[in-house]
PDB file of N, CA and C in Angstrom:
ATOM      1  N   MET A   1      -1.589  47.614 -37.575  1.00  0.00           N
ATOM      2  CA  MET A   1      -0.565  46.742 -36.840  1.00  0.00           C
ATOM      3  C   MET A   1      -1.486  46.274 -35.572  1.00  0.00           C
ATOM      4  N   SER A   2      -1.634  47.716 -34.994  1.00  0.00           N
ATOM      5  CA  SER A   2      -2.500  48.063 -33.631  1.00  0.00           C
ATOM      6  C   SER A   2      -3.160  46.557 -33.231  1.00  0.00           C
ATOM      7  N   TRP A   3      -4.315  45.774 -34.133  1.00  0.00           N
ATOM      8  CA  TRP A   3      -5.472  45.035 -35.231  1.00  0.00           C
ATOM      9  C   TRP A   3      -3.720  43.535 -34.102  1.00  0.00           C
ATOM     10  N   LEU A   4      -2.476  43.399 -35.036  1.00  0.00           N
ATOM     11  CA  LEU A   4      -2.446  42.618 -33.982  1.00  0.00           C
ATOM     12  C   LEU A   4      -2.136  42.121 -32.823  1.00  0.00           C
ATOM     13  N   ASN A   5      -1.730  43.604 -32.642  1.00  0.00           N
ATOM     14  CA  ASN A   5      -1.367  42.513 -32.151  1.00  0.00           C
ATOM     15  C   ASN A   5      -1.794  43.329 -29.950  1.00  0.00           C
ATOM     16  N   PHE A   6      -3.249  43.605 -30.647  1.00  0.00           N
ATOM     17  CA  PHE A   6      -4.444  43.193 -29.242  1.00  0.00           C
ATOM     18  C   PHE A   6      -4.919  42.097 -29.236  1.00  0.00           C
ATOM     19  N   PHE A   7      -4.633  40.805 -30.738  1.00  0.00           N
ATOM     20  CA  PHE A   7      -5.082  39.743 -31.226  1.00  0.00           C
ATOM     21  C   PHE A   7      -3.738  39.196 -30.433  1.00  0.00           C
ATOM     22  N   ARG A   8      -2.883  39.036 -30.171  1.00  0.00           N
ATOM     23  CA  ARG A   8      -1.922  38.576 -30.377  1.00  0.00           C
ATOM     24  C   ARG A   8      -1.821  38.616 -27.967  1.00  0.00           C
ATOM     25  N   LYS A   9      -1.213  39.732 -27.835  1.00  0.00           N
ATOM     26  CA  LYS A   9      -1.975  40.234 -26.143  1.00  0.00           C
ATOM     27  C   LYS A   9      -3.120  39.237 -25.817  1.00  0.00           C
ATOM     28  N   GLU A  10      -4.278  39.108 -26.154  1.00  0.00           N
ATOM     29  CA  GLU A  10      -5.470  37.795 -25.445  1.00  0.00           C
ATOM     30  C   GLU A  10      -5.111  36.948 -25.882  1.00  0.00           C
ATOM     31  N   ARG A  11      -3.705  36.470 -26.503  1.00  0.00           N
ATOM     32  CA  ARG A  11      -3.365  35.181 -27.007  1.00  0.00           C
ATOM     33  C   ARG A  11      -2.533  34.708 -25.896  1.00  0.00           C
ATOM     34  N   GLU A  12      -1.218  35.582 -25.501  1.00  0.00           N
ATOM     35  CA  GLU A  12      -0.448  35.089 -24.903  1.00  0.00           C
ATOM     36  C   GLU A  12      -1.416  35.631 -23.197  1.00  0.00           C
ATOM     37  N   ASP A  13      -1.698  36.397 -22.267  1.00  0.00           N
ATOM     38  CA  ASP A  13      -3.103  35.936 -21.854  1.00  0.00           C
ATOM     39  C   ASP A  13      -3.045  34.905 -21.405  1.00  0.00           C
ATOM     40  N   LYS A  14      -3.782  34.442 -22.460  1.00  0.00           N
ATOM     41  CA  LYS A  14      -4.705  32.930 -22.223  1.00  0.00           C
ATOM     42  C   LYS A  14      -3.682  31.679 -22.277  1.00  0.00           C
ATOM     43  N   GLY A  15      -2.927  32.086 -22.273  1.00  0.00           N
ATOM     44  CA  GLY A  15      -1.615  31.174 -22.313  1.00  0.00           C
ATOM     45  C   GLY A  15      -1.191  31.044 -20.710  1.00  0.00           C
ATOM     46  N   THR A  16      -0.894  32.500 -20.473  1.00  0.00           N
ATOM     47  CA  THR A  16      -0.644  32.372 -18.644  1.00  0.00           C
ATOM     48  C   THR A  16      -1.583  31.685 -18.095  1.00  0.00           C
ATOM     49  N   ALA A  17      -2.831  31.782 -18.653  1.00  0.00           N
ATOM     50  CA  ALA A  17      -3.395  31.583 -17.714  1.00  0.00           C
ATOM     51  C   ALA A  17      -3.085  29.945 -17.778  1.00  0.00           C
ATOM     52  N   VAL A  18      -3.554  28.953 -18.599  1.00  0.00           N
ATOM     53  CA  VAL A  18      -3.670  28.406 -18.873  1.00  0.00           C
ATOM     54  C   VAL A  18      -2.846  26.876 -18.172  1.00  0.00           C
ATOM     55  N   THR A  19      -1.210  28.125 -18.801  1.00  0.00           N
ATOM     56  CA  THR A  19      -0.303  27.776 -17.823  1.00  0.00           C
ATOM     57  C   THR A  19      -0.176  27.529 -16.107  1.00  0.00           C
ATOM     58  N   ALA A  20      -0.904  28.368 -15.743  1.00  0.00           N
ATOM     59  CA  ALA A  20      -0.514  28.545 -13.929  1.00  0.00           C
ATOM     60  C   ALA A  20      -1.841  27.465 -13.618  1.00  0.00           C
ATOM     61  N   LYS A  21      -3.257  27.373 -14.553  1.00  0.00           N
ATOM     62  CA  LYS A  21      -4.079  26.456 -14.085  1.00  0.00           C
ATOM     63  C   LYS A  21      -3.435  24.685 -14.479  1.00  0.00           C
ATOM     64  N   ASP A  22      -2.534  24.309 -14.920  1.00  0.00           N
ATOM     65  CA  ASP A  22      -1.882  23.397 -15.587  1.00  0.00           C
ATOM     66  C   ASP A  22      -0.752  22.865 -14.091  1.00  0.00           C
ATOM     67  N   ARG A  23      -0.107  24.280 -14.051  1.00  0.00           N
ATOM     68  CA  ARG A  23       0.831  23.625 -12.636  1.00  0.00           C
ATOM     69  C   ARG A  23       0.136  24.041 -11.619  1.00  0.00           C
ATOM     70  N   LEU A  24      -1.920  24.386 -11.322  1.00  0.00           N
ATOM     71  CA  LEU A  24      -1.809  24.900  -9.921  1.00  0.00           C
ATOM     72  C   LEU A  24      -2.797  23.398 -10.136  1.00  0.00           C
ATOM     73  N   GLN A  25      -3.004  22.197 -10.900  1.00  0.00           N
ATOM     74  CA  GLN A  25      -3.573  21.104 -11.067  1.00  0.00           C
ATOM     75  C   GLN A  25      -2.647  20.263 -10.488  1.00  0.00           C
ATOM     76  N   VAL A  26      -1.307  20.137 -11.207  1.00  0.00           N
ATOM     77  CA  VAL A  26      -0.256  19.475 -10.613  1.00  0.00           C
ATOM     78  C   VAL A  26       0.422  19.887  -9.152  1.00  0.00           C
ATOM     79  N   ILE A  27       0.119  20.750  -8.620  1.00  0.00           N
ATOM     80  CA  ILE A  27       0.411  21.471  -7.279  1.00  0.00           C
ATOM     81  C   ILE A  27      -0.714  20.222  -6.562  1.00  0.00           C
ATOM     82  N   ILE A  28      -1.751  20.257  -6.638  1.00  0.00           N
ATOM     83  CA  ILE A  28      -3.875  19.635  -6.018  1.00  0.00           C
ATOM     84  C   ILE A  28      -3.003  18.004  -6.118  1.00  0.00           C
ATOM     85  N   SER A  29      -2.833  17.639  -7.500  1.00  0.00           N
ATOM     86  CA  SER A  29      -2.388  16.578  -7.074  1.00  0.00           C
ATOM     87  C   SER A  29      -1.444  16.184  -5.953  1.00  0.00           C
ATOM     88  N   HIS A  30      -0.169  16.654  -6.815  1.00  0.00           N
ATOM     89  CA  HIS A  30       1.018  15.881  -5.950  1.00  0.00           C
ATOM     90  C   HIS A  30      -0.147  15.880  -4.147  1.00  0.00           C
ATOM     91  N   GLU A  31      -0.541  17.288  -3.671  1.00  0.00           N
ATOM     92  CA  GLU A  31      -0.489  16.855  -2.962  1.00  0.00           C
ATOM     93  C   GLU A  31      -1.787  15.993  -2.289  1.00  0.00           C
ATOM     94  N   ARG A  32      -3.048  16.312  -3.245  1.00  0.00           N
ATOM     95  CA  ARG A  32      -3.239  14.784  -2.718  1.00  0.00           C
ATOM     96  C   ARG A  32      -2.644  13.123  -2.681  1.00  0.00           C
ATOM     97  N   VAL A  33      -2.110  13.177  -3.264  1.00  0.00           N
ATOM     98  CA  VAL A  33      -0.821  11.488  -3.397  1.00  0.00           C
ATOM     99  C   VAL A  33      -0.385  11.354  -2.370  1.00  0.00           C
ATOM    100  N   SER A  34       0.456  13.014  -1.900  1.00  0.00           N
ATOM    101  CA  SER A  34       0.956  12.934  -0.643  1.00  0.00           C
ATOM    102  C   SER A  34       0.299  12.630   1.178  1.00  0.00           C
ATOM    103  N   ARG A  35      -0.650  13.684   0.879  1.00  0.00           N
ATOM    104  CA  ARG A  35      -1.570  13.329   1.592  1.00  0.00           C
ATOM    105  C   ARG A  35      -1.779  11.588   2.689  1.00  0.00           C
ATOM    106  N   GLY A  36      -1.905  10.550   1.592  1.00  0.00           N
ATOM    107  CA  GLY A  36      -2.753   9.274   2.079  1.00  0.00           C
ATOM    108  C   GLY A  36      -1.383   8.608   2.976  1.00  0.00           C
ATOM    109  N   LYS A  37       0.002   9.477   2.230  1.00  0.00           N
ATOM    110  CA  LYS A  37       0.304   7.470   1.716  1.00  0.00           C
ATOM    111  C   LYS A  37       1.514   7.816   3.220  1.00  0.00           C
ATOM    112  N   GLU A  38       1.104   8.197   4.299  1.00  0.00           N
ATOM    113  CA  GLU A  38       1.536   7.953   5.847  1.00  0.00           C
ATOM    114  C   GLU A  38       0.661   6.823   6.262  1.00  0.00           C
ATOM    115  N   ASP A  39      -0.530   7.050   5.854  1.00  0.00           N
ATOM    116  CA  ASP A  39      -1.585   5.877   6.768  1.00  0.00           C
ATOM    117  C   ASP A  39      -0.462   4.563   6.957  1.00  0.00           C
ATOM    118  N   PHE A  40       0.338   4.377   5.464  1.00  0.00           N
ATOM    119  CA  PHE A  40       0.612   2.451   6.090  1.00  0.00           C
ATOM    120  C   PHE A  40       1.994   2.350   6.846  1.00  0.00           C
ATOM    121  N   LEU A  41       2.289   3.507   7.922  1.00  0.00           N
ATOM    122  CA  LEU A  41       3.309   3.526   8.556  1.00  0.00           C
ATOM    123  C   LEU A  41       2.963   2.851   9.885  1.00  0.00           C
ATOM    124  N   PRO A  42       1.913   2.868  10.603  1.00  0.00           N
ATOM    125  CA  PRO A  42       1.716   2.396  11.696  1.00  0.00           C
ATOM    126  C   PRO A  42       1.447   0.572  11.230  1.00  0.00           C
ATOM    127  N   LYS A  43       0.790   0.592  10.415  1.00  0.00           N
ATOM    128  CA  LYS A  43       0.537  -1.025   9.663  1.00  0.00           C
ATOM    129  C   LYS A  43       2.100  -1.739   9.677  1.00  0.00           C
ATOM    130  N   LEU A  44       3.278  -1.008   8.655  1.00  0.00           N
ATOM    131  CA  LEU A  44       4.577  -1.281   8.813  1.00  0.00           C
ATOM    132  C   LEU A  44       5.091  -1.460   9.945  1.00  0.00           C
ATOM    133  N   GLN A  45       5.371  -1.183  11.228  1.00  0.00           N
ATOM    134  CA  GLN A  45       5.812  -0.940  12.172  1.00  0.00           C
ATOM    135  C   GLN A  45       4.973  -1.519  12.631  1.00  0.00           C
ATOM    136  N   GLN A  46       4.134  -2.845  13.017  1.00  0.00           N
ATOM    137  CA  GLN A  46       3.581  -3.416  13.297  1.00  0.00           C
ATOM    138  C   GLN A  46       4.433  -4.559  13.239  1.00  0.00           C
ATOM    139  N   GLU A  47       4.257  -5.021  11.891  1.00  0.00           N
ATOM    140  CA  GLU A  47       4.837  -6.001  10.925  1.00  0.00           C
ATOM    141  C   GLU A  47       5.850  -6.043  11.452  1.00  0.00           C
ATOM    142  N   LEU A  48       6.737  -4.800  10.701  1.00  0.00           N
ATOM    143  CA  LEU A  48       8.261  -5.558  11.693  1.00  0.00           C
ATOM    144  C   LEU A  48       8.694  -5.645  12.721  1.00  0.00           C
ATOM    145  N   VAL A  49       7.927  -5.438  13.580  1.00  0.00           N
ATOM    146  CA  VAL A  49       7.626  -6.025  15.014  1.00  0.00           C
ATOM    147  C   VAL A  49       7.317  -7.276  14.881  1.00  0.00           C
ATOM    148  N   ALA A  50       6.789  -7.279  14.682  1.00  0.00           N
ATOM    149  CA  ALA A  50       6.034  -8.735  14.701  1.00  0.00           C
ATOM    150  C   ALA A  50       7.263  -9.969  13.745  1.00  0.00           C
ATOM    151  N   VAL A  51       7.766  -9.658  12.862  1.00  0.00           N
ATOM    152  CA  VAL A  51       9.323  -9.856  12.332  1.00  0.00           C
ATOM    153  C   VAL A  51      10.272 -10.092  12.799  1.00  0.00           C
ATOM    154  N   VAL A  52      11.087  -9.110  13.605  1.00  0.00           N
ATOM    155  CA  VAL A  52      11.899  -9.038  14.322  1.00  0.00           C
ATOM    156  C   VAL A  52      11.704 -10.304  15.606  1.00  0.00           C
ATOM    157  N   ALA A  53      10.413 -10.230  15.989  1.00  0.00           N
ATOM    158  CA  ALA A  53      10.371 -10.714  17.167  1.00  0.00           C
ATOM    159  C   ALA A  53      10.526 -11.972  17.280  1.00  0.00           C
ATOM    160  N   ARG A  54       9.875 -12.582  15.906  1.00  0.00           N
ATOM    161  CA  ARG A  54      10.663 -14.480  15.331  1.00  0.00           C
ATOM    162  C   ARG A  54      11.970 -14.469  16.237  1.00  0.00           C
ATOM    163  N   TYR A  55      12.898 -13.592  15.469  1.00  0.00           N
ATOM    164  CA  TYR A  55      14.248 -14.104  15.427  1.00  0.00           C
ATOM    165  C   TYR A  55      14.727 -13.950  16.783  1.00  0.00           C
ATOM    166  N   VAL A  56      14.193 -12.395  17.363  1.00  0.00           N
ATOM    167  CA  VAL A  56      14.624 -11.576  18.872  1.00  0.00           C
ATOM    168  C   VAL A  56      13.710 -11.133  19.308  1.00  0.00           C
ATOM    169  N   SER A  57      14.314 -11.036  20.563  1.00  0.00           N
ATOM    170  CA  SER A  57      13.073 -10.804  22.389  1.00  0.00           C
ATOM    171  C   SER A  57      13.181  -9.152  21.641  1.00  0.00           C
ATOM    172  N   ILE A  58      12.436  -8.488  21.741  1.00  0.00           N
ATOM    173  CA  ILE A  58      12.781  -6.779  21.191  1.00  0.00           C
ATOM    174  C   ILE A  58      11.382  -6.152  21.778  1.00  0.00           C
ATOM    175  N   ASP A  59      11.141  -5.094  22.885  1.00  0.00           N
ATOM    176  CA  ASP A  59      10.307  -4.318  23.364  1.00  0.00           C
ATOM    177  C   ASP A  59       9.604  -3.463  21.996  1.00  0.00           C
ATOM    178  N   PRO A  60       8.420  -3.860  21.406  1.00  0.00           N
ATOM    179  CA  PRO A  60       8.019  -3.531  20.876  1.00  0.00           C
ATOM    180  C   PRO A  60       7.964  -1.570  20.140  1.00  0.00           C
ATOM    181  N   GLY A  61       7.712  -1.310  21.822  1.00  0.00           N
ATOM    182  CA  GLY A  61       8.124   0.115  22.736  1.00  0.00           C
ATOM    183  C   GLY A  61       9.573   1.130  21.280  1.00  0.00           C
ATOM    184  N   LYS A  62       9.780   0.403  21.544  1.00  0.00           N
ATOM    185  CA  LYS A  62      11.884   0.970  21.025  1.00  0.00           C
ATOM    186  C   LYS A  62      12.205   0.107  19.965  1.00  0.00           C
ATOM    187  N   VAL A  63      11.114   0.286  18.453  1.00  0.00           N
ATOM    188  CA  VAL A  63      11.088   0.929  17.123  1.00  0.00           C
ATOM    189  C   VAL A  63      10.574   1.530  16.723  1.00  0.00           C
ATOM    190  N   GLN A  64      10.822   2.471  15.821  1.00  0.00           N
ATOM    191  CA  GLN A  64      10.916   3.850  15.104  1.00  0.00           C
ATOM    192  C   GLN A  64      10.558   3.474  13.636  1.00  0.00           C
ATOM    193  N   VAL A  65       9.861   4.220  12.751  1.00  0.00           N
ATOM    194  CA  VAL A  65       9.711   3.961  12.067  1.00  0.00           C
ATOM    195  C   VAL A  65       9.770   6.098  11.850  1.00  0.00           C
ATOM    196  N   ASN A  66      10.480   6.132  11.016  1.00  0.00           N
ATOM    197  CA  ASN A  66       9.794   7.454  10.018  1.00  0.00           C
ATOM    198  C   ASN A  66      10.537   7.771   8.897  1.00  0.00           C
ATOM    199  N   LEU A  67       8.826   8.416   8.167  1.00  0.00           N
ATOM    200  CA  LEU A  67       8.929   8.890   7.358  1.00  0.00           C
ATOM    201  C   LEU A  67       9.539   9.879   6.684  1.00  0.00           C
ATOM    202  N   GLU A  68      10.743  10.183   5.587  1.00  0.00           N
ATOM    203  CA  GLU A  68      11.074  12.217   5.508  1.00  0.00           C
ATOM    204  C   GLU A  68      11.293  12.249   4.210  1.00  0.00           C
ATOM    205  N   ARG A  69      10.693  12.944   3.378  1.00  0.00           N
ATOM    206  CA  ARG A  69      10.020  13.163   1.933  1.00  0.00           C
ATOM    207  C   ARG A  69      11.398  14.293   1.971  1.00  0.00           C
ATOM    208  N   GLY A  70      12.020  14.531   0.396  1.00  0.00           N
ATOM    209  CA  GLY A  70      12.436  15.353  -0.174  1.00  0.00           C
ATOM    210  C   GLY A  70      11.691  15.960  -0.815  1.00  0.00           C
ATOM    211  N   GLY A  71      13.186  16.345  -1.568  1.00  0.00           N
ATOM    212  CA  GLY A  71      12.967  16.888  -3.259  1.00  0.00           C
ATOM    213  C   GLY A  71      12.160  15.688  -4.541  1.00  0.00           C
ATOM    214  N   ASP A  72      13.803  14.960  -4.223  1.00  0.00           N
ATOM    215  CA  ASP A  72      13.548  13.843  -5.706  1.00  0.00           C
ATOM    216  C   ASP A  72      13.642  12.766  -5.040  1.00  0.00           C
ATOM    217  N   PHE A  73      13.067  13.101  -3.404  1.00  0.00           N
ATOM    218  CA  PHE A  73      13.052  11.332  -2.515  1.00  0.00           C
ATOM    219  C   PHE A  73      12.335  11.281  -1.204  1.00  0.00           C
ATOM    220  N   SER A  74      12.548   9.463  -1.065  1.00  0.00           N
ATOM    221  CA  SER A  74      11.731   9.603   0.205  1.00  0.00           C
ATOM    222  C   SER A  74      12.891   9.023   1.037  1.00  0.00           C
ATOM    223  N   THR A  75      12.700   8.800   2.712  1.00  0.00           N
ATOM    224  CA  THR A  75      14.146   7.598   3.171  1.00  0.00           C
ATOM    225  C   THR A  75      13.475   7.455   3.857  1.00  0.00           C
ATOM    226  N   LEU A  76      13.580   6.176   4.177  1.00  0.00           N
ATOM    227  CA  LEU A  76      12.691   5.305   5.298  1.00  0.00           C
ATOM    228  C   LEU A  76      13.253   5.219   6.389  1.00  0.00           C
ATOM    229  N   ALA A  77      13.288   5.681   7.121  1.00  0.00           N
ATOM    230  CA  ALA A  77      14.475   5.481   8.383  1.00  0.00           C
ATOM    231  C   ALA A  77      13.961   4.240   9.601  1.00  0.00           C
ATOM    232  N   ILE A  78      14.364   2.867   9.715  1.00  0.00           N
ATOM    233  CA  ILE A  78      13.732   1.393  10.653  1.00  0.00           C
ATOM    234  C   ILE A  78      14.591   2.071  11.620  1.00  0.00           C
ATOM    235  N   ASP A  79      14.768   2.058  13.066  1.00  0.00           N
ATOM    236  CA  ASP A  79      15.425   2.152  14.139  1.00  0.00           C
ATOM    237  C   ASP A  79      14.474   0.736  15.527  1.00  0.00           C
ATOM    238  N   ILE A  80      15.787   0.040  15.164  1.00  0.00           N
ATOM    239  CA  ILE A  80      14.663  -1.211  16.057  1.00  0.00           C
ATOM    240  C   ILE A  80      16.205  -1.640  17.295  1.00  0.00           C
ATOM    241  N   GLU A  81      15.467  -0.751  19.054  1.00  0.00           N
ATOM    242  CA  GLU A  81      16.647  -1.507  19.677  1.00  0.00           C
ATOM    243  C   GLU A  81      16.308  -2.697  19.834  1.00  0.00           C
ATOM    244  N   LEU A  82      17.918  -3.427  19.884  1.00  0.00           N
ATOM    245  CA  LEU A  82      17.659  -4.682  19.180  1.00  0.00           C
ATOM    246  C   LEU A  82      18.227  -5.110  21.187  1.00  0.00           C
ATOM    247  N   PRO A  83      18.421  -5.963  21.891  1.00  0.00           N
ATOM    248  CA  PRO A  83      18.781  -6.456  22.829  1.00  0.00           C
ATOM    249  C   PRO A  83      20.887  -7.185  22.825  1.00  0.00           C
ATOM    250  N   GLY A  84      21.063  -6.740  24.552  1.00  0.00           N
ATOM    251  CA  GLY A  84      22.694  -7.336  24.441  1.00  0.00           C
ATOM    252  C   GLY A  84      22.519  -9.038  23.473  1.00  0.00           C
ATOM    253  N   PRO A  85      23.227 -10.048  23.598  1.00  0.00           N
ATOM    254  CA  PRO A  85      23.678 -11.581  23.670  1.00  0.00           C
ATOM    255  C   PRO A  85      22.523 -11.789  24.367  1.00  0.00           C
ATOM    256  N   ALA A  86      23.130 -11.835  25.786  1.00  0.00           N
ATOM    257  CA  ALA A  86      22.527 -12.500  26.409  1.00  0.00           C
ATOM    258  C   ALA A  86      21.272 -12.673  26.161  1.00  0.00           C
ATOM    259  N   ALA A  87      19.821 -11.264  26.043  1.00  0.00           N
ATOM    260  CA  ALA A  87      19.419 -11.482  25.860  1.00  0.00           C
ATOM    261  C   ALA A  87      18.089 -12.600  25.025  1.00  0.00           C
ATOM    262  N   MET A  88      18.966 -12.429  24.098  1.00  0.00           N
ATOM    263  CA  MET A  88      19.064 -13.874  22.651  1.00  0.00           C
ATOM    264  C   MET A  88      18.544 -14.979  23.077  1.00  0.00           C
ATOM    265  N   PRO A  89      17.967 -15.527  22.165  1.00  0.00           N
ATOM    266  CA  PRO A  89      17.700 -16.687  22.423  1.00  0.00           C
ATOM    267  C   PRO A  89      18.406 -17.524  22.101  1.00  0.00           C
ATOM    268  N   GLY A  90      18.300 -18.889  22.834  1.00  0.00           N
ATOM    269  CA  GLY A  90      20.358 -19.412  22.399  1.00  0.00           C
ATOM    270  C   GLY A  90      21.482 -18.971  23.676  1.00  0.00           C
ATOM    271  N   GLY A  91      20.617 -17.525  24.096  1.00  0.00           N
ATOM    272  CA  GLY A  91      22.416 -17.025  24.736  1.00  0.00           C
ATOM    273  C   GLY A  91      23.629 -16.710  23.690  1.00  0.00           C
ATOM    274  N   ARG A  92      22.864 -17.402  22.428  1.00  0.00           N
ATOM    275  CA  ARG A  92      24.551 -16.500  21.200  1.00  0.00           C
ATOM    276  C   ARG A  92      24.343 -16.040  20.433  1.00  0.00           C
ATOM    277  N   ALA A  93      25.411 -14.822  20.180  1.00  0.00           N
ATOM    278  CA  ALA A  93      25.340 -13.977  19.977  1.00  0.00           C
ATOM    279  C   ALA A  93      24.577 -14.201  18.037  1.00  0.00           C
ATOM    280  N   ALA A  94      24.488 -13.542  17.906  1.00  0.00           N
ATOM    281  CA  ALA A  94      24.571 -14.319  15.821  1.00  0.00           C
ATOM    282  C   ALA A  94      25.655 -13.565  14.648  1.00  0.00           C
TER     283      ALA A  94
END
């Protein structure tokens, strides 16, 4: 009976080590993926300014793009300060 317990304990330890290794690999891969993702924000901000500027006169310095990562989801917030109706092309509000 003691021999069976010896082999059983060794197998359980290897299972725990394998589980820990798998979890560590998941964490490392998640960090690698999330580390490089925010590089697109400056380019996105430039493109948004270009598109909105086609229709409305805006100050590029008053455009904010923020990416917030949560547990199960991410939120992309885009803040563009638009001018009043007098500053719109054609002088009328949309």
